[in-house]
N, C-alpha and C. Protein backbone atom coordinates (compact mmCIF):
# COMPACT_ATOMS: atom_id res chain seq x y z
N MET A 1 87.33 32.25 29.14
CA MET A 1 86.49 31.51 28.35
C MET A 1 86.50 29.95 28.48
N SER A 2 87.61 29.73 28.62
CA SER A 2 88.10 28.08 28.94
C SER A 2 87.36 27.59 30.11
N ARG A 3 87.42 28.58 31.10
CA ARG A 3 86.77 28.00 32.54
C ARG A 3 85.23 27.81 32.47
N LEU A 4 84.84 28.85 31.60
CA LEU A 4 83.40 28.81 31.40
C LEU A 4 82.90 27.56 30.55
N ARG A 5 83.73 27.15 29.52
CA ARG A 5 83.33 25.94 28.68
C ARG A 5 83.59 24.73 29.57
N ASN A 6 84.73 24.80 30.43
CA ASN A 6 84.88 23.53 31.27
C ASN A 6 83.75 23.34 32.31
N ALA A 7 83.39 24.54 32.82
CA ALA A 7 82.24 24.42 33.70
C ALA A 7 80.82 23.83 32.98
N GLY A 8 80.71 24.37 31.83
CA GLY A 8 79.42 23.97 31.15
C GLY A 8 79.57 22.49 30.73
N LEU A 9 80.86 21.90 30.39
CA LEU A 9 81.01 20.54 30.01
C LEU A 9 80.60 19.73 31.28
N ALA A 10 81.30 20.19 32.41
CA ALA A 10 81.14 19.57 33.66
C ALA A 10 79.66 19.37 33.99
N LEU A 11 78.95 20.43 33.81
CA LEU A 11 77.48 20.40 34.22
C LEU A 11 76.90 19.53 33.34
N LEU A 12 77.11 19.58 32.02
CA LEU A 12 76.49 18.67 31.10
C LEU A 12 76.77 17.17 31.42
N CYS A 13 77.95 16.84 31.66
CA CYS A 13 78.39 15.36 32.11
C CYS A 13 77.60 14.99 33.40
N GLY A 14 77.42 16.00 34.36
CA GLY A 14 76.68 15.69 35.46
C GLY A 14 75.14 15.43 35.27
N VAL A 15 74.56 16.11 34.48
CA VAL A 15 73.16 15.99 33.99
C VAL A 15 73.19 14.55 33.44
N MET A 16 73.96 14.19 32.48
CA MET A 16 73.89 13.14 31.60
C MET A 16 73.88 11.85 32.66
N LEU A 17 74.92 11.93 33.57
CA LEU A 17 75.13 10.87 34.52
C LEU A 17 73.97 10.67 35.49
N ALA A 18 73.29 11.78 35.86
CA ALA A 18 72.11 11.62 36.68
C ALA A 18 70.99 11.15 35.89
N ALA A 19 70.87 11.49 34.57
CA ALA A 19 69.81 10.92 33.76
C ALA A 19 69.87 9.37 33.55
N CYS A 20 71.36 8.97 33.48
CA CYS A 20 71.48 7.44 33.37
C CYS A 20 71.39 6.68 34.56
N GLY A 21 71.10 7.21 35.69
CA GLY A 21 71.25 6.58 37.01
C GLY A 21 70.75 5.28 37.03
N GLU A 22 71.04 4.69 38.20
CA GLU A 22 70.76 3.24 38.31
C GLU A 22 69.33 2.93 38.16
N ARG A 23 69.01 1.73 37.83
CA ARG A 23 67.59 1.21 37.63
C ARG A 23 67.10 1.17 39.06
N PRO A 24 65.65 1.29 39.18
CA PRO A 24 65.24 0.98 40.67
C PRO A 24 65.22 -0.48 41.09
N PRO A 25 65.23 -0.58 42.24
CA PRO A 25 65.32 -1.95 42.74
C PRO A 25 64.26 -2.92 42.09
N ALA A 26 64.83 -4.24 42.01
CA ALA A 26 63.64 -5.17 41.39
C ALA A 26 62.43 -5.09 41.86
N GLU A 27 62.32 -5.10 43.24
CA GLU A 27 60.91 -5.13 43.77
C GLU A 27 60.04 -4.01 43.19
N GLU A 28 60.65 -2.65 43.10
CA GLU A 28 60.06 -1.69 42.58
C GLU A 28 59.72 -1.87 41.06
N GLN A 29 60.60 -2.38 40.25
CA GLN A 29 60.30 -2.68 38.91
C GLN A 29 59.18 -3.62 38.70
N ILE A 30 59.06 -4.60 39.59
CA ILE A 30 57.96 -5.59 39.46
C ILE A 30 56.63 -4.82 39.85
N ARG A 31 56.69 -4.03 40.78
CA ARG A 31 55.51 -3.31 41.37
C ARG A 31 55.09 -2.46 40.10
N ASN A 32 55.99 -1.82 39.35
CA ASN A 32 55.66 -0.91 38.33
C ASN A 32 54.99 -1.74 37.11
N ARG A 33 55.58 -2.90 36.93
CA ARG A 33 55.02 -3.79 35.88
C ARG A 33 53.54 -4.11 36.26
N ILE A 34 53.32 -4.38 37.46
CA ILE A 34 51.97 -4.73 37.92
C ILE A 34 51.02 -3.66 37.82
N GLU A 35 51.40 -2.52 38.19
CA GLU A 35 50.60 -1.14 38.17
C GLU A 35 50.34 -0.85 36.75
N GLY A 36 51.39 -1.03 35.80
CA GLY A 36 51.14 -0.82 34.49
C GLY A 36 50.11 -1.74 33.86
N MET A 37 50.19 -3.00 34.25
CA MET A 37 49.10 -4.02 33.86
C MET A 37 47.87 -3.60 34.24
N GLN A 38 47.70 -3.14 35.47
CA GLN A 38 46.38 -2.61 36.02
C GLN A 38 45.95 -1.43 35.34
N ALA A 39 46.68 -0.63 34.92
CA ALA A 39 46.20 0.62 34.25
C ALA A 39 45.94 0.22 32.72
N ASP A 40 46.59 -0.82 32.14
CA ASP A 40 46.16 -1.22 30.65
C ASP A 40 44.95 -1.98 30.73
N LEU A 41 44.65 -2.75 31.80
CA LEU A 41 43.28 -3.26 31.93
C LEU A 41 42.19 -2.33 32.07
N SER A 42 42.25 -1.39 32.85
CA SER A 42 41.49 -0.29 32.93
C SER A 42 41.00 0.59 31.75
N GLU A 43 42.22 0.71 31.00
CA GLU A 43 42.09 1.39 29.63
C GLU A 43 41.55 0.43 28.46
N GLY A 44 41.44 -0.94 28.79
CA GLY A 44 40.85 -1.73 27.70
C GLY A 44 41.93 -2.10 26.70
N ASN A 45 43.09 -1.93 26.95
CA ASN A 45 44.29 -2.17 26.14
C ASN A 45 44.75 -3.66 26.42
N ALA A 46 44.14 -4.72 25.71
CA ALA A 46 44.59 -6.05 25.90
C ALA A 46 46.13 -6.14 25.40
N ARG A 47 46.53 -5.75 24.36
CA ARG A 47 47.83 -5.96 23.83
C ARG A 47 48.87 -5.54 24.85
N ALA A 48 48.55 -4.31 25.40
CA ALA A 48 49.62 -3.59 26.24
C ALA A 48 49.73 -4.52 27.64
N PHE A 49 48.41 -4.97 28.15
CA PHE A 49 48.31 -5.84 29.23
C PHE A 49 49.15 -7.11 29.10
N MET A 50 49.02 -7.71 27.90
CA MET A 50 49.71 -8.95 27.57
C MET A 50 51.21 -8.87 27.40
N ALA A 51 51.83 -7.68 26.97
CA ALA A 51 53.06 -7.50 26.84
C ALA A 51 54.00 -8.10 27.89
N PRO A 52 53.92 -7.81 29.08
CA PRO A 52 54.76 -8.36 30.14
C PRO A 52 54.56 -10.03 30.42
N ILE A 53 53.84 -10.51 29.68
CA ILE A 53 53.37 -11.92 30.12
C ILE A 53 54.36 -12.88 29.05
N ALA A 54 55.14 -13.72 29.82
CA ALA A 54 55.99 -14.40 29.06
C ALA A 54 55.48 -15.51 28.22
N GLU A 55 56.14 -15.84 27.09
CA GLU A 55 55.62 -16.86 26.24
C GLU A 55 55.54 -18.13 26.80
N ASP A 56 56.28 -18.54 27.90
CA ASP A 56 56.02 -19.73 28.62
C ASP A 56 55.13 -19.59 29.79
N PHE A 57 54.30 -18.61 29.89
CA PHE A 57 53.40 -18.43 31.12
C PHE A 57 52.40 -19.40 31.25
N THR A 58 52.06 -19.70 32.61
CA THR A 58 51.16 -20.80 32.85
C THR A 58 50.29 -20.32 34.14
N ALA A 59 48.96 -20.39 34.03
CA ALA A 59 48.14 -20.01 35.23
C ALA A 59 47.49 -21.35 35.78
N ALA A 60 47.94 -21.79 36.73
CA ALA A 60 47.72 -23.04 37.35
C ALA A 60 46.14 -22.99 37.76
N THR A 61 45.47 -21.94 38.04
CA THR A 61 44.15 -21.86 38.54
C THR A 61 43.33 -22.48 37.39
N ARG A 62 43.46 -22.07 36.26
CA ARG A 62 42.59 -22.58 35.13
C ARG A 62 43.33 -23.35 33.97
N SER A 63 44.55 -23.70 34.46
CA SER A 63 45.36 -24.56 33.47
C SER A 63 45.48 -23.76 32.07
N LEU A 64 45.81 -22.48 32.27
CA LEU A 64 45.98 -21.47 31.11
C LEU A 64 47.29 -21.26 30.69
N ASP A 65 47.65 -21.38 29.25
CA ASP A 65 48.84 -20.80 28.80
C ASP A 65 48.76 -19.35 28.44
N ARG A 66 49.82 -18.83 27.77
CA ARG A 66 49.77 -17.36 27.35
C ARG A 66 48.53 -16.97 26.43
N ARG A 67 48.58 -17.93 25.39
CA ARG A 67 47.35 -17.89 24.48
C ARG A 67 46.06 -17.84 25.04
N ALA A 68 45.83 -18.99 25.77
CA ALA A 68 44.45 -18.96 26.39
C ALA A 68 44.12 -17.88 27.44
N ALA A 69 45.21 -17.40 28.18
CA ALA A 69 44.99 -16.17 28.94
C ALA A 69 44.57 -14.99 28.16
N GLY A 70 45.24 -14.83 27.03
CA GLY A 70 44.84 -13.82 26.01
C GLY A 70 43.43 -13.89 25.55
N PHE A 71 43.04 -15.07 25.24
CA PHE A 71 41.56 -15.21 24.86
C PHE A 71 40.76 -14.89 25.99
N LEU A 72 40.91 -15.41 27.09
CA LEU A 72 40.08 -15.20 28.27
C LEU A 72 39.91 -13.64 28.65
N LEU A 73 41.09 -13.02 28.50
CA LEU A 73 41.00 -11.54 28.67
C LEU A 73 40.28 -10.82 27.71
N ARG A 74 40.34 -11.05 26.31
CA ARG A 74 39.42 -10.52 25.39
C ARG A 74 38.01 -10.80 25.47
N ARG A 75 37.69 -12.06 25.94
CA ARG A 75 36.38 -12.44 26.13
C ARG A 75 35.67 -11.49 27.19
N GLU A 76 36.49 -11.43 28.29
CA GLU A 76 35.94 -10.47 29.40
C GLU A 76 35.87 -9.08 28.94
N MET A 77 36.72 -8.63 28.19
CA MET A 77 36.80 -7.25 27.83
C MET A 77 35.54 -7.04 26.75
N LEU A 78 35.23 -8.13 25.88
CA LEU A 78 34.01 -8.04 25.07
C LEU A 78 32.66 -8.02 25.91
N ALA A 79 32.77 -8.74 26.97
CA ALA A 79 31.44 -9.03 27.83
C ALA A 79 31.25 -7.74 28.62
N HIS A 80 32.26 -6.75 28.98
CA HIS A 80 32.03 -5.76 29.85
C HIS A 80 32.62 -4.50 29.06
N ASP A 81 31.90 -3.40 29.08
CA ASP A 81 32.50 -2.25 28.48
C ASP A 81 33.56 -1.66 29.20
N GLN A 82 33.67 -1.94 30.31
CA GLN A 82 34.83 -1.51 31.38
C GLN A 82 35.06 -2.41 32.31
N ILE A 83 36.40 -2.74 32.47
CA ILE A 83 36.91 -3.58 33.54
C ILE A 83 37.86 -2.68 34.34
N LYS A 84 37.67 -2.79 35.55
CA LYS A 84 38.67 -2.12 36.49
C LYS A 84 39.12 -2.99 37.55
N ALA A 85 40.36 -2.67 38.09
CA ALA A 85 41.01 -3.67 39.12
C ALA A 85 41.59 -2.64 39.90
N ARG A 86 41.41 -2.95 41.31
CA ARG A 86 42.06 -2.30 42.38
C ARG A 86 42.94 -3.20 43.22
N LEU A 87 44.18 -3.00 43.06
CA LEU A 87 45.13 -3.99 43.84
C LEU A 87 45.60 -3.37 45.19
N VAL A 88 45.57 -4.33 46.06
CA VAL A 88 46.01 -3.95 47.46
C VAL A 88 47.05 -4.91 47.91
N ASP A 89 47.65 -4.54 48.91
CA ASP A 89 48.90 -5.45 49.70
C ASP A 89 49.79 -6.15 48.77
N ILE A 90 50.35 -5.44 47.86
CA ILE A 90 51.23 -5.88 46.81
C ILE A 90 52.39 -6.27 47.69
N GLU A 91 53.01 -7.49 47.80
CA GLU A 91 54.08 -7.85 48.39
C GLU A 91 55.03 -8.63 47.38
N VAL A 92 56.37 -8.13 47.10
CA VAL A 92 57.31 -8.86 46.31
C VAL A 92 58.31 -9.44 47.07
N ALA A 93 58.76 -10.57 46.78
CA ALA A 93 59.67 -11.24 47.40
C ALA A 93 60.74 -11.86 46.44
N LEU A 94 61.97 -11.39 46.43
CA LEU A 94 62.91 -11.92 45.50
C LEU A 94 63.44 -13.44 45.80
N GLN A 95 63.70 -14.16 44.76
CA GLN A 95 64.26 -15.43 44.98
C GLN A 95 65.65 -15.48 44.12
N GLY A 96 66.56 -15.08 44.58
CA GLY A 96 67.77 -14.90 43.77
C GLY A 96 67.70 -13.53 43.00
N GLU A 97 68.61 -13.44 42.00
CA GLU A 97 68.52 -12.17 41.20
C GLU A 97 67.67 -12.08 40.08
N GLU A 98 67.15 -13.26 39.52
CA GLU A 98 66.28 -13.36 38.40
C GLU A 98 64.97 -13.98 38.46
N ARG A 99 64.57 -14.26 39.85
CA ARG A 99 63.17 -14.81 40.02
C ARG A 99 62.54 -14.05 41.16
N ALA A 100 61.24 -13.93 41.18
CA ALA A 100 60.56 -13.33 42.14
C ALA A 100 59.09 -13.77 42.25
N THR A 101 58.50 -13.62 43.44
CA THR A 101 56.85 -13.86 43.52
C THR A 101 56.50 -12.46 43.92
N ALA A 102 55.15 -12.37 43.48
CA ALA A 102 54.46 -11.00 44.05
C ALA A 102 53.07 -11.72 44.28
N THR A 103 52.51 -11.30 45.62
CA THR A 103 51.35 -11.65 45.99
C THR A 103 50.52 -10.38 46.20
N MET A 104 49.11 -10.44 46.12
CA MET A 104 48.37 -9.35 46.23
C MET A 104 46.76 -9.70 46.37
N HIS A 105 45.98 -8.77 46.72
CA HIS A 105 44.62 -8.85 46.59
C HIS A 105 44.05 -7.95 45.39
N ALA A 106 43.17 -8.37 44.81
CA ALA A 106 42.49 -7.64 43.83
C ALA A 106 41.13 -7.55 43.84
N VAL A 107 40.50 -6.45 43.62
CA VAL A 107 38.95 -6.32 43.62
C VAL A 107 38.81 -5.84 42.24
N VAL A 108 38.13 -6.89 41.35
CA VAL A 108 37.95 -6.74 39.88
C VAL A 108 36.48 -6.44 39.73
N THR A 109 35.97 -5.48 38.98
CA THR A 109 34.73 -5.13 38.66
C THR A 109 34.55 -4.91 37.15
N GLY A 110 33.33 -5.19 36.64
CA GLY A 110 32.99 -4.98 35.05
C GLY A 110 31.80 -4.44 35.04
N GLY A 111 31.36 -3.83 34.12
CA GLY A 111 30.12 -3.18 33.93
C GLY A 111 30.04 -2.19 32.70
N THR A 112 28.77 -1.66 32.45
CA THR A 112 28.56 -0.70 31.44
C THR A 112 28.37 0.72 31.89
N GLY A 113 28.02 0.80 33.18
CA GLY A 113 27.69 2.19 33.61
C GLY A 113 28.52 2.62 34.80
N LEU A 114 28.02 3.52 35.56
CA LEU A 114 28.82 3.95 36.77
C LEU A 114 28.84 2.89 37.90
N ILE A 115 27.91 2.08 37.87
CA ILE A 115 27.90 1.04 38.91
C ILE A 115 28.25 -0.23 38.18
N PRO A 116 29.20 -1.04 38.65
CA PRO A 116 29.62 -2.38 38.05
C PRO A 116 28.55 -3.45 38.08
N ASP A 117 28.52 -4.08 37.12
CA ASP A 117 27.39 -5.21 36.95
C ASP A 117 27.96 -6.48 37.68
N THR A 118 29.38 -6.72 37.77
CA THR A 118 29.95 -7.83 38.21
C THR A 118 31.13 -7.60 38.96
N GLY A 119 31.58 -8.26 39.91
CA GLY A 119 32.75 -7.98 40.53
C GLY A 119 33.16 -9.19 41.50
N GLY A 120 34.53 -9.06 41.77
CA GLY A 120 35.01 -10.37 42.67
C GLY A 120 36.12 -9.76 43.36
N TRP A 121 36.53 -10.37 44.58
CA TRP A 121 37.73 -10.07 45.26
C TRP A 121 38.59 -11.36 45.33
N TYR A 122 39.64 -11.22 44.83
CA TYR A 122 40.69 -12.26 44.58
C TYR A 122 42.05 -12.17 45.22
N ARG A 123 42.69 -13.23 45.65
CA ARG A 123 43.93 -13.46 46.03
C ARG A 123 44.79 -13.88 45.09
N LEU A 124 45.77 -13.13 44.69
CA LEU A 124 46.69 -13.62 43.50
C LEU A 124 48.14 -13.86 43.95
N GLU A 125 48.81 -14.95 43.33
CA GLU A 125 50.12 -15.18 43.54
C GLU A 125 50.85 -15.25 42.28
N THR A 126 51.73 -14.50 41.88
CA THR A 126 52.35 -14.48 40.50
C THR A 126 53.83 -14.74 40.63
N GLY A 127 54.34 -15.33 39.52
CA GLY A 127 55.85 -15.61 39.54
C GLY A 127 56.36 -14.71 38.37
N TRP A 128 57.64 -14.27 38.58
CA TRP A 128 58.28 -13.32 37.74
C TRP A 128 59.75 -13.91 37.40
N ARG A 129 60.13 -13.60 36.35
CA ARG A 129 61.50 -13.89 35.85
C ARG A 129 62.07 -12.63 35.08
N LEU A 130 63.42 -12.44 35.31
CA LEU A 130 64.06 -11.46 34.65
C LEU A 130 64.61 -11.99 33.36
N ASP A 131 64.14 -11.36 32.23
CA ASP A 131 64.58 -11.72 30.99
C ASP A 131 65.12 -10.45 30.14
N ASP A 132 66.43 -10.48 29.70
CA ASP A 132 66.93 -9.41 29.15
C ASP A 132 66.65 -7.95 29.75
N GLY A 133 66.77 -7.98 30.97
CA GLY A 133 66.65 -6.73 31.74
C GLY A 133 65.13 -6.32 31.99
N GLU A 134 64.27 -7.11 31.65
CA GLU A 134 62.77 -6.91 31.95
C GLU A 134 62.10 -7.99 32.78
N TRP A 135 61.53 -7.58 33.67
CA TRP A 135 60.66 -8.62 34.42
C TRP A 135 59.52 -8.89 33.78
N MET A 136 59.26 -10.45 33.63
CA MET A 136 58.29 -10.94 32.73
C MET A 136 57.42 -11.82 33.76
N LEU A 137 56.18 -11.77 33.62
CA LEU A 137 55.24 -12.71 34.36
C LEU A 137 55.17 -14.15 33.76
N ILE A 138 55.66 -15.03 34.58
CA ILE A 138 55.63 -16.48 34.12
C ILE A 138 54.62 -17.41 34.72
N SER A 139 54.04 -16.97 35.88
CA SER A 139 52.94 -17.80 36.30
C SER A 139 51.96 -16.89 37.15
N ALA A 140 50.85 -17.61 37.37
CA ALA A 140 49.67 -16.86 38.17
C ALA A 140 48.70 -18.01 38.74
N ARG A 141 48.35 -17.86 39.93
CA ARG A 141 47.51 -18.52 40.63
C ARG A 141 46.58 -17.61 41.32
N TRP A 142 45.18 -17.77 41.43
CA TRP A 142 44.30 -17.04 42.15
C TRP A 142 43.33 -17.80 42.71
N GLU A 143 42.79 -17.23 43.76
CA GLU A 143 41.57 -17.86 44.52
C GLU A 143 40.55 -16.72 44.70
N THR A 144 39.23 -17.02 44.63
CA THR A 144 38.27 -16.11 44.96
C THR A 144 37.91 -15.99 46.59
N VAL A 145 38.23 -14.77 46.88
CA VAL A 145 38.03 -14.45 48.29
C VAL A 145 36.37 -14.11 48.43
N ALA A 146 35.87 -13.32 47.56
CA ALA A 146 34.42 -13.00 47.55
C ALA A 146 33.92 -12.70 46.12
N GLY A 147 32.58 -12.86 45.99
CA GLY A 147 31.96 -12.47 44.62
C GLY A 147 32.12 -13.62 43.67
N ARG A 148 31.99 -13.25 42.47
CA ARG A 148 32.16 -14.38 41.54
C ARG A 148 33.32 -15.14 41.32
N GLY A 149 33.20 -16.26 41.05
CA GLY A 149 34.41 -17.08 40.82
C GLY A 149 34.72 -17.59 39.62
């Protein structure tokens, strides 16, 4: 009986250690944050979209702080029944252990039916900072590649 109990205990410890495994690499964590924000936008969840945006966020393209970015997001969500973003070519570059940049292209569409009313293709450059174990968006810059600007 003692062997069975020891084997069960060893198995339980092994399962617990595997569940507590290491966090994914920083690049993957940032990609996951970006993809989560993309999903939040598509679901129309402004609060969840804004959650990973740092309090000291700045958007150089339109001189926006976090508050103004939130207002812009809500305005666009009110203007379009549905907003979708398709992200491609996401590249993450670490700068030390607590800073990173992520660049990508985004095709963003908005509309009320099956076919979007508006859309644009953008190139984005974002800055990220590790705060208390979470990657937070601290800056953004974008340029219009095609479509509305």
